[in-house]
Amino acid sequence: MNFYHKIPVQIRFNDLDPARHVNNAIYAEYFDLGKVSYFREVTGQPLNFDGLSLVVAGYRIDFFQPVFADEEIEVSTKVHVLGTKSLELLQHICLKGDDNPRAVSSTTMVCFNYSEQQSEPIPEEWKNLIRNFEHYECRDKA
């Protein structure tokens, strides 16, 4: 699976637990950094919380190996499924230069109109930007 978006993440002292590895609750913050960066790069704009945007409807994190204080990590992000009103993101946290994930996240995001306080279909413009960015490797939800 190809990831066309990766960002480095700095591990902070307060991310660590007494065993000197990143606390499991912090991984969600790292994945959030990847989400924000991904959509800014794909759309050329920051997420908009005044009008149409995306909200998290559900997520799961699977942990495979710990991340320690002195390691360099990066978050890889991709949209792998596009639906009418929702999309599914896949994200990996890996050591820099290594494709073996330390943690994997799957997130369902829903297109949401903050002004109207309701979900809406994902605009075709957004879908096309995502498909182009992902080199048409994401699939449409059946």
N, C-alpha and C. Protein backbone atom coordinates (compact mmCIF):
# COMPACT_ATOMS: atom_id res chain seq x y z
N MET A 1 0.84 -1.18 0.00
CA MET A 1 0.00 0.00 0.00
C MET A 1 0.88 1.24 0.00
N ASN A 2 0.56 2.16 -0.88
CA ASN A 2 1.36 3.38 -1.00
C ASN A 2 0.78 4.50 -0.16
N PHE A 3 1.66 5.18 0.54
CA PHE A 3 1.28 6.39 1.28
C PHE A 3 1.97 7.56 0.59
N TYR A 4 1.18 8.52 0.14
CA TYR A 4 1.73 9.69 -0.54
C TYR A 4 1.84 10.88 0.40
N HIS A 5 1.44 10.70 1.65
CA HIS A 5 1.55 11.77 2.64
C HIS A 5 2.20 11.23 3.91
N LYS A 6 3.31 11.86 4.30
CA LYS A 6 4.01 11.51 5.53
C LYS A 6 4.48 12.80 6.19
N ILE A 7 4.38 12.83 7.53
CA ILE A 7 4.93 13.97 8.26
C ILE A 7 5.74 13.45 9.45
N PRO A 8 6.85 14.11 9.74
CA PRO A 8 7.60 13.75 10.95
C PRO A 8 6.87 14.29 12.17
N VAL A 9 6.99 13.58 13.28
CA VAL A 9 6.38 14.01 14.54
C VAL A 9 7.46 14.04 15.61
N GLN A 10 7.54 15.16 16.30
CA GLN A 10 8.50 15.30 17.39
C GLN A 10 7.90 14.70 18.66
N ILE A 11 8.63 13.81 19.29
CA ILE A 11 8.20 13.23 20.55
C ILE A 11 8.59 14.18 21.67
N ARG A 12 7.60 14.59 22.45
CA ARG A 12 7.82 15.54 23.54
C ARG A 12 7.99 14.78 24.86
N PHE A 13 8.64 15.41 25.81
CA PHE A 13 8.86 14.79 27.12
C PHE A 13 7.54 14.37 27.76
N ASN A 14 6.52 15.23 27.66
CA ASN A 14 5.25 14.92 28.32
C ASN A 14 4.43 13.86 27.56
N ASP A 15 4.91 13.37 26.42
CA ASP A 15 4.27 12.27 25.70
C ASP A 15 4.61 10.91 26.32
N LEU A 16 5.62 10.90 27.19
CA LEU A 16 6.19 9.65 27.69
C LEU A 16 5.57 9.22 29.01
N ASP A 17 5.57 7.91 29.22
CA ASP A 17 5.15 7.38 30.51
C ASP A 17 6.42 6.96 31.28
N PRO A 18 6.29 6.44 32.49
CA PRO A 18 7.49 6.09 33.28
C PRO A 18 8.41 5.06 32.63
N ALA A 19 7.90 4.29 31.67
CA ALA A 19 8.72 3.29 30.98
C ALA A 19 9.51 3.89 29.81
N ARG A 20 9.44 5.24 29.65
CA ARG A 20 10.15 5.98 28.60
C ARG A 20 9.60 5.70 27.19
N HIS A 21 8.39 5.17 27.10
CA HIS A 21 7.79 5.05 25.77
C HIS A 21 6.56 5.92 25.70
N VAL A 22 6.13 6.21 24.47
CA VAL A 22 4.99 7.08 24.24
C VAL A 22 3.74 6.43 24.82
N ASN A 23 3.01 7.20 25.62
CA ASN A 23 1.78 6.72 26.23
C ASN A 23 0.76 6.45 25.13
N ASN A 24 -0.03 5.39 25.29
CA ASN A 24 -0.97 5.00 24.23
C ASN A 24 -1.99 6.09 23.90
N ALA A 25 -2.36 6.93 24.85
CA ALA A 25 -3.34 8.00 24.59
C ALA A 25 -2.77 9.07 23.65
N ILE A 26 -1.46 9.20 23.59
CA ILE A 26 -0.80 10.23 22.77
C ILE A 26 -0.85 9.88 21.28
N TYR A 27 -0.95 8.61 20.96
CA TYR A 27 -0.98 8.20 19.55
C TYR A 27 -2.11 8.88 18.79
N ALA A 28 -3.27 9.04 19.44
CA ALA A 28 -4.40 9.72 18.78
C ALA A 28 -4.02 11.14 18.39
N GLU A 29 -3.24 11.82 19.23
CA GLU A 29 -2.78 13.18 18.90
C GLU A 29 -1.86 13.16 17.69
N TYR A 30 -0.98 12.18 17.62
CA TYR A 30 -0.08 12.07 16.47
C TYR A 30 -0.89 11.82 15.18
N PHE A 31 -1.88 10.92 15.28
CA PHE A 31 -2.71 10.66 14.11
C PHE A 31 -3.50 11.90 13.71
N ASP A 32 -3.96 12.69 14.68
CA ASP A 32 -4.66 13.94 14.36
C ASP A 32 -3.75 14.92 13.62
N LEU A 33 -2.49 15.01 14.02
CA LEU A 33 -1.54 15.86 13.29
C LEU A 33 -1.46 15.42 11.82
N GLY A 34 -1.43 14.12 11.60
CA GLY A 34 -1.40 13.59 10.24
C GLY A 34 -2.66 13.94 9.46
N LYS A 35 -3.82 13.85 10.09
CA LYS A 35 -5.09 14.18 9.42
C LYS A 35 -5.10 15.63 8.96
N VAL A 36 -4.78 16.53 9.88
CA VAL A 36 -4.82 17.97 9.57
C VAL A 36 -3.84 18.28 8.43
N SER A 37 -2.64 17.74 8.51
CA SER A 37 -1.63 17.98 7.48
C SER A 37 -2.06 17.39 6.13
N TYR A 38 -2.64 16.19 6.17
CA TYR A 38 -3.09 15.53 4.94
C TYR A 38 -4.10 16.40 4.20
N PHE A 39 -5.15 16.82 4.89
CA PHE A 39 -6.21 17.56 4.21
C PHE A 39 -5.75 18.95 3.78
N ARG A 40 -4.83 19.54 4.51
CA ARG A 40 -4.27 20.82 4.07
C ARG A 40 -3.49 20.63 2.78
N GLU A 41 -2.70 19.56 2.70
CA GLU A 41 -1.93 19.33 1.48
C GLU A 41 -2.83 18.97 0.30
N VAL A 42 -3.82 18.12 0.52
CA VAL A 42 -4.69 17.66 -0.57
C VAL A 42 -5.56 18.79 -1.11
N THR A 43 -6.16 19.59 -0.20
CA THR A 43 -7.10 20.62 -0.64
C THR A 43 -6.44 21.99 -0.82
N GLY A 44 -5.26 22.17 -0.25
CA GLY A 44 -4.60 23.47 -0.30
C GLY A 44 -5.15 24.46 0.70
N GLN A 45 -6.02 23.99 1.60
CA GLN A 45 -6.63 24.86 2.60
C GLN A 45 -6.71 24.14 3.94
N PRO A 46 -6.72 24.89 5.04
CA PRO A 46 -6.93 24.25 6.35
C PRO A 46 -8.37 23.78 6.48
N LEU A 47 -8.61 22.87 7.41
CA LEU A 47 -9.98 22.45 7.68
C LEU A 47 -10.79 23.66 8.14
N ASN A 48 -12.01 23.77 7.65
CA ASN A 48 -12.87 24.92 7.92
C ASN A 48 -13.93 24.51 8.94
N PHE A 49 -13.97 25.19 10.08
CA PHE A 49 -14.96 24.85 11.09
C PHE A 49 -16.10 25.85 11.15
N ASP A 50 -16.26 26.64 10.10
CA ASP A 50 -17.38 27.57 10.00
C ASP A 50 -18.42 27.10 8.99
N GLY A 51 -18.01 26.28 8.07
CA GLY A 51 -18.92 25.82 7.02
C GLY A 51 -18.82 24.32 6.87
N LEU A 52 -18.47 23.88 5.67
CA LEU A 52 -18.37 22.46 5.36
C LEU A 52 -16.99 21.94 5.74
N SER A 53 -16.95 20.83 6.46
CA SER A 53 -15.69 20.26 6.91
C SER A 53 -15.87 18.76 7.11
N LEU A 54 -14.94 18.16 7.80
CA LEU A 54 -15.00 16.74 8.12
C LEU A 54 -14.92 16.57 9.63
N VAL A 55 -15.68 15.63 10.16
CA VAL A 55 -15.64 15.32 11.59
C VAL A 55 -15.38 13.82 11.75
N VAL A 56 -14.77 13.47 12.86
CA VAL A 56 -14.49 12.07 13.15
C VAL A 56 -15.77 11.41 13.67
N ALA A 57 -16.16 10.31 13.02
CA ALA A 57 -17.33 9.55 13.44
C ALA A 57 -16.92 8.30 14.21
N GLY A 58 -15.71 7.84 13.98
CA GLY A 58 -15.22 6.66 14.69
C GLY A 58 -13.78 6.40 14.33
N TYR A 59 -13.05 5.80 15.28
CA TYR A 59 -11.68 5.43 14.96
C TYR A 59 -11.23 4.26 15.82
N ARG A 60 -10.20 3.62 15.33
CA ARG A 60 -9.61 2.47 16.02
C ARG A 60 -8.10 2.60 15.89
N ILE A 61 -7.41 2.25 16.96
CA ILE A 61 -5.95 2.22 16.94
C ILE A 61 -5.50 0.83 17.39
N ASP A 62 -4.63 0.23 16.59
CA ASP A 62 -4.00 -1.04 16.96
C ASP A 62 -2.52 -0.77 17.20
N PHE A 63 -2.01 -1.27 18.31
CA PHE A 63 -0.62 -1.06 18.72
C PHE A 63 0.18 -2.34 18.49
N PHE A 64 1.34 -2.20 17.86
CA PHE A 64 2.17 -3.37 17.55
C PHE A 64 3.48 -3.38 18.32
N GLN A 65 4.13 -2.21 18.41
CA GLN A 65 5.37 -2.07 19.15
C GLN A 65 5.40 -0.69 19.78
N PRO A 66 6.06 -0.54 20.92
CA PRO A 66 6.13 0.79 21.53
C PRO A 66 7.06 1.73 20.75
N VAL A 67 6.83 3.00 20.95
CA VAL A 67 7.71 4.04 20.43
C VAL A 67 8.42 4.64 21.64
N PHE A 68 9.74 4.74 21.57
CA PHE A 68 10.54 5.23 22.69
C PHE A 68 10.99 6.67 22.47
N ALA A 69 11.42 7.29 23.55
CA ALA A 69 11.74 8.72 23.58
C ALA A 69 12.77 9.14 22.54
N ASP A 70 13.75 8.33 22.29
CA ASP A 70 14.85 8.74 21.41
C ASP A 70 14.66 8.33 19.95
N GLU A 71 13.47 7.85 19.59
CA GLU A 71 13.22 7.40 18.22
C GLU A 71 12.60 8.52 17.39
N GLU A 72 12.90 8.49 16.09
CA GLU A 72 12.31 9.45 15.15
C GLU A 72 11.17 8.75 14.43
N ILE A 73 9.98 9.37 14.50
CA ILE A 73 8.80 8.75 13.91
C ILE A 73 8.16 9.66 12.87
N GLU A 74 7.32 9.04 12.05
CA GLU A 74 6.52 9.79 11.10
C GLU A 74 5.14 9.15 11.00
N VAL A 75 4.16 9.98 10.66
CA VAL A 75 2.79 9.51 10.46
C VAL A 75 2.50 9.52 8.97
N SER A 76 2.06 8.38 8.47
CA SER A 76 1.64 8.26 7.07
C SER A 76 0.12 8.21 7.05
N THR A 77 -0.47 8.92 6.08
CA THR A 77 -1.92 9.04 6.02
C THR A 77 -2.40 8.86 4.58
N LYS A 78 -3.53 8.16 4.43
CA LYS A 78 -4.15 8.03 3.12
C LYS A 78 -5.65 7.83 3.30
N VAL A 79 -6.41 8.31 2.32
CA VAL A 79 -7.82 7.97 2.21
C VAL A 79 -7.86 6.70 1.37
N HIS A 80 -8.46 5.64 1.92
CA HIS A 80 -8.51 4.42 1.12
C HIS A 80 -9.92 4.03 0.71
N VAL A 81 -10.95 4.70 1.28
CA VAL A 81 -12.33 4.46 0.86
C VAL A 81 -13.07 5.79 0.84
N LEU A 82 -13.78 6.06 -0.25
CA LEU A 82 -14.61 7.26 -0.39
C LEU A 82 -16.07 6.85 -0.51
N GLY A 83 -16.91 7.41 0.37
CA GLY A 83 -18.34 7.16 0.31
C GLY A 83 -19.08 8.40 -0.13
N THR A 84 -20.39 8.38 0.01
CA THR A 84 -21.21 9.53 -0.36
C THR A 84 -21.03 10.67 0.64
N LYS A 85 -21.16 10.34 1.93
CA LYS A 85 -21.04 11.35 2.98
C LYS A 85 -19.83 11.12 3.89
N SER A 86 -19.15 10.00 3.72
CA SER A 86 -18.04 9.68 4.61
C SER A 86 -16.85 9.15 3.83
N LEU A 87 -15.72 9.11 4.51
CA LEU A 87 -14.50 8.52 3.96
C LEU A 87 -13.79 7.78 5.07
N GLU A 88 -12.89 6.90 4.67
CA GLU A 88 -12.10 6.15 5.64
C GLU A 88 -10.63 6.44 5.41
N LEU A 89 -9.99 6.82 6.50
CA LEU A 89 -8.55 7.10 6.50
C LEU A 89 -7.81 5.90 7.08
N LEU A 90 -6.65 5.64 6.54
CA LEU A 90 -5.74 4.67 7.11
C LEU A 90 -4.46 5.42 7.45
N GLN A 91 -3.95 5.20 8.66
CA GLN A 91 -2.72 5.88 9.09
C GLN A 91 -1.79 4.90 9.78
N HIS A 92 -0.50 5.11 9.56
CA HIS A 92 0.55 4.32 10.21
C HIS A 92 1.49 5.26 10.95
N ILE A 93 1.96 4.82 12.11
CA ILE A 93 3.09 5.46 12.78
C ILE A 93 4.25 4.49 12.64
N CYS A 94 5.32 4.97 12.01
CA CYS A 94 6.51 4.15 11.77
C CYS A 94 7.75 4.92 12.20
N LEU A 95 8.82 4.19 12.41
CA LEU A 95 10.10 4.85 12.57
C LEU A 95 10.49 5.44 11.23
N LYS A 96 11.16 6.57 11.28
CA LYS A 96 11.60 7.22 10.04
C LYS A 96 12.44 6.24 9.21
N GLY A 97 12.06 6.08 7.94
CA GLY A 97 12.80 5.19 7.04
C GLY A 97 12.39 3.73 7.14
N ASP A 98 11.40 3.41 7.96
CA ASP A 98 10.96 2.02 8.14
C ASP A 98 9.47 1.95 7.81
N ASP A 99 9.05 0.96 7.04
CA ASP A 99 7.64 0.83 6.67
C ASP A 99 6.85 -0.08 7.60
N ASN A 100 7.50 -0.65 8.61
CA ASN A 100 6.80 -1.53 9.54
C ASN A 100 6.11 -0.69 10.61
N PRO A 101 4.77 -0.70 10.64
CA PRO A 101 4.07 0.19 11.57
C PRO A 101 4.23 -0.22 13.03
N ARG A 102 4.39 0.80 13.86
CA ARG A 102 4.36 0.61 15.32
C ARG A 102 2.92 0.67 15.80
N ALA A 103 2.09 1.46 15.09
CA ALA A 103 0.66 1.56 15.39
C ALA A 103 -0.07 1.88 14.10
N VAL A 104 -1.31 1.41 14.00
CA VAL A 104 -2.14 1.63 12.82
C VAL A 104 -3.49 2.17 13.28
N SER A 105 -3.99 3.17 12.57
CA SER A 105 -5.29 3.75 12.89
C SER A 105 -6.19 3.70 11.66
N SER A 106 -7.45 3.41 11.91
CA SER A 106 -8.48 3.49 10.88
C SER A 106 -9.53 4.46 11.40
N THR A 107 -9.84 5.49 10.61
CA THR A 107 -10.76 6.53 11.03
C THR A 107 -11.85 6.73 9.99
N THR A 108 -13.10 6.79 10.44
CA THR A 108 -14.22 7.16 9.59
C THR A 108 -14.51 8.63 9.85
N MET A 109 -14.52 9.42 8.77
CA MET A 109 -14.82 10.84 8.87
C MET A 109 -16.04 11.14 8.02
N VAL A 110 -16.90 12.01 8.53
CA VAL A 110 -18.15 12.38 7.87
C VAL A 110 -18.08 13.84 7.46
N CYS A 111 -18.57 14.12 6.26
CA CYS A 111 -18.67 15.50 5.79
C CYS A 111 -19.79 16.17 6.58
N PHE A 112 -19.46 17.31 7.19
CA PHE A 112 -20.40 17.94 8.12
C PHE A 112 -20.46 19.43 7.87
N ASN A 113 -21.69 19.95 7.82
CA ASN A 113 -21.90 21.38 7.64
C ASN A 113 -22.11 22.00 9.02
N TYR A 114 -21.11 22.74 9.48
CA TYR A 114 -21.18 23.34 10.82
C TYR A 114 -22.27 24.41 10.90
N SER A 115 -22.51 25.12 9.82
CA SER A 115 -23.56 26.15 9.82
C SER A 115 -24.94 25.54 10.00
N GLU A 116 -25.16 24.41 9.33
CA GLU A 116 -26.47 23.75 9.37
C GLU A 116 -26.55 22.66 10.43
N GLN A 117 -25.39 22.29 11.00
CA GLN A 117 -25.32 21.23 12.01
C GLN A 117 -25.89 19.90 11.50
N GLN A 118 -25.46 19.53 10.28
CA GLN A 118 -25.90 18.27 9.71
C GLN A 118 -24.88 17.74 8.72
N SER A 119 -24.93 16.44 8.48
CA SER A 119 -24.03 15.84 7.50
C SER A 119 -24.50 16.19 6.10
N GLU A 120 -23.55 16.19 5.18
CA GLU A 120 -23.84 16.48 3.77
C GLU A 120 -22.97 15.58 2.90
N PRO A 121 -23.34 15.41 1.65
CA PRO A 121 -22.48 14.65 0.74
C PRO A 121 -21.11 15.33 0.60
N ILE A 122 -20.08 14.51 0.45
CA ILE A 122 -18.74 15.04 0.19
C ILE A 122 -18.77 15.70 -1.19
N PRO A 123 -18.34 16.94 -1.30
CA PRO A 123 -18.34 17.60 -2.61
C PRO A 123 -17.49 16.83 -3.63
N GLU A 124 -17.95 16.78 -4.87
CA GLU A 124 -17.20 16.10 -5.92
C GLU A 124 -15.80 16.69 -6.08
N GLU A 125 -15.67 17.99 -5.89
CA GLU A 125 -14.35 18.63 -5.97
C GLU A 125 -13.39 18.01 -4.97
N TRP A 126 -13.84 17.80 -3.75
CA TRP A 126 -13.00 17.17 -2.73
C TRP A 126 -12.65 15.74 -3.13
N LYS A 127 -13.65 15.00 -3.61
CA LYS A 127 -13.40 13.62 -4.02
C LYS A 127 -12.36 13.56 -5.13
N ASN A 128 -12.47 14.46 -6.10
CA ASN A 128 -11.50 14.48 -7.20
C ASN A 128 -10.11 14.83 -6.70
N LEU A 129 -9.99 15.78 -5.79
CA LEU A 129 -8.69 16.14 -5.22
C LEU A 129 -8.08 14.94 -4.50
N ILE A 130 -8.89 14.22 -3.74
CA ILE A 130 -8.40 13.04 -3.02
C ILE A 130 -7.98 11.96 -4.00
N ARG A 131 -8.83 11.66 -4.99
CA ARG A 131 -8.49 10.62 -5.98
C ARG A 131 -7.20 10.96 -6.71
N ASN A 132 -7.04 12.22 -7.09
CA ASN A 132 -5.81 12.62 -7.78
C ASN A 132 -4.60 12.48 -6.86
N PHE A 133 -4.73 12.92 -5.62
CA PHE A 133 -3.62 12.83 -4.68
C PHE A 133 -3.23 11.38 -4.43
N GLU A 134 -4.24 10.52 -4.32
CA GLU A 134 -4.00 9.10 -4.05
C GLU A 134 -3.75 8.29 -5.33
N HIS A 135 -3.56 8.99 -6.44
CA HIS A 135 -3.32 8.34 -7.72
C HIS A 135 -4.40 7.30 -8.03
N TYR A 136 -5.64 7.65 -7.66
CA TYR A 136 -6.82 6.82 -7.89
C TYR A 136 -6.70 5.45 -7.28
N GLU A 137 -5.91 5.33 -6.20
CA GLU A 137 -5.77 4.04 -5.52
C GLU A 137 -6.82 3.84 -4.44
N CYS A 138 -7.58 4.89 -4.08
CA CYS A 138 -8.65 4.71 -3.10
C CYS A 138 -9.87 4.16 -3.84
N ARG A 139 -10.72 3.46 -3.13
CA ARG A 139 -11.90 2.87 -3.78
C ARG A 139 -13.15 3.58 -3.30
N ASP A 140 -14.16 3.58 -4.15
CA ASP A 140 -15.45 4.13 -3.78
C ASP A 140 -16.20 3.08 -2.97
N LYS A 141 -16.86 3.56 -1.91
CA LYS A 141 -17.63 2.68 -1.05
C LYS A 141 -18.85 2.18 -1.82
N ALA A 142 -19.09 0.90 -1.71
CA ALA A 142 -20.25 0.31 -2.42
C ALA A 142 -21.55 0.67 -1.75
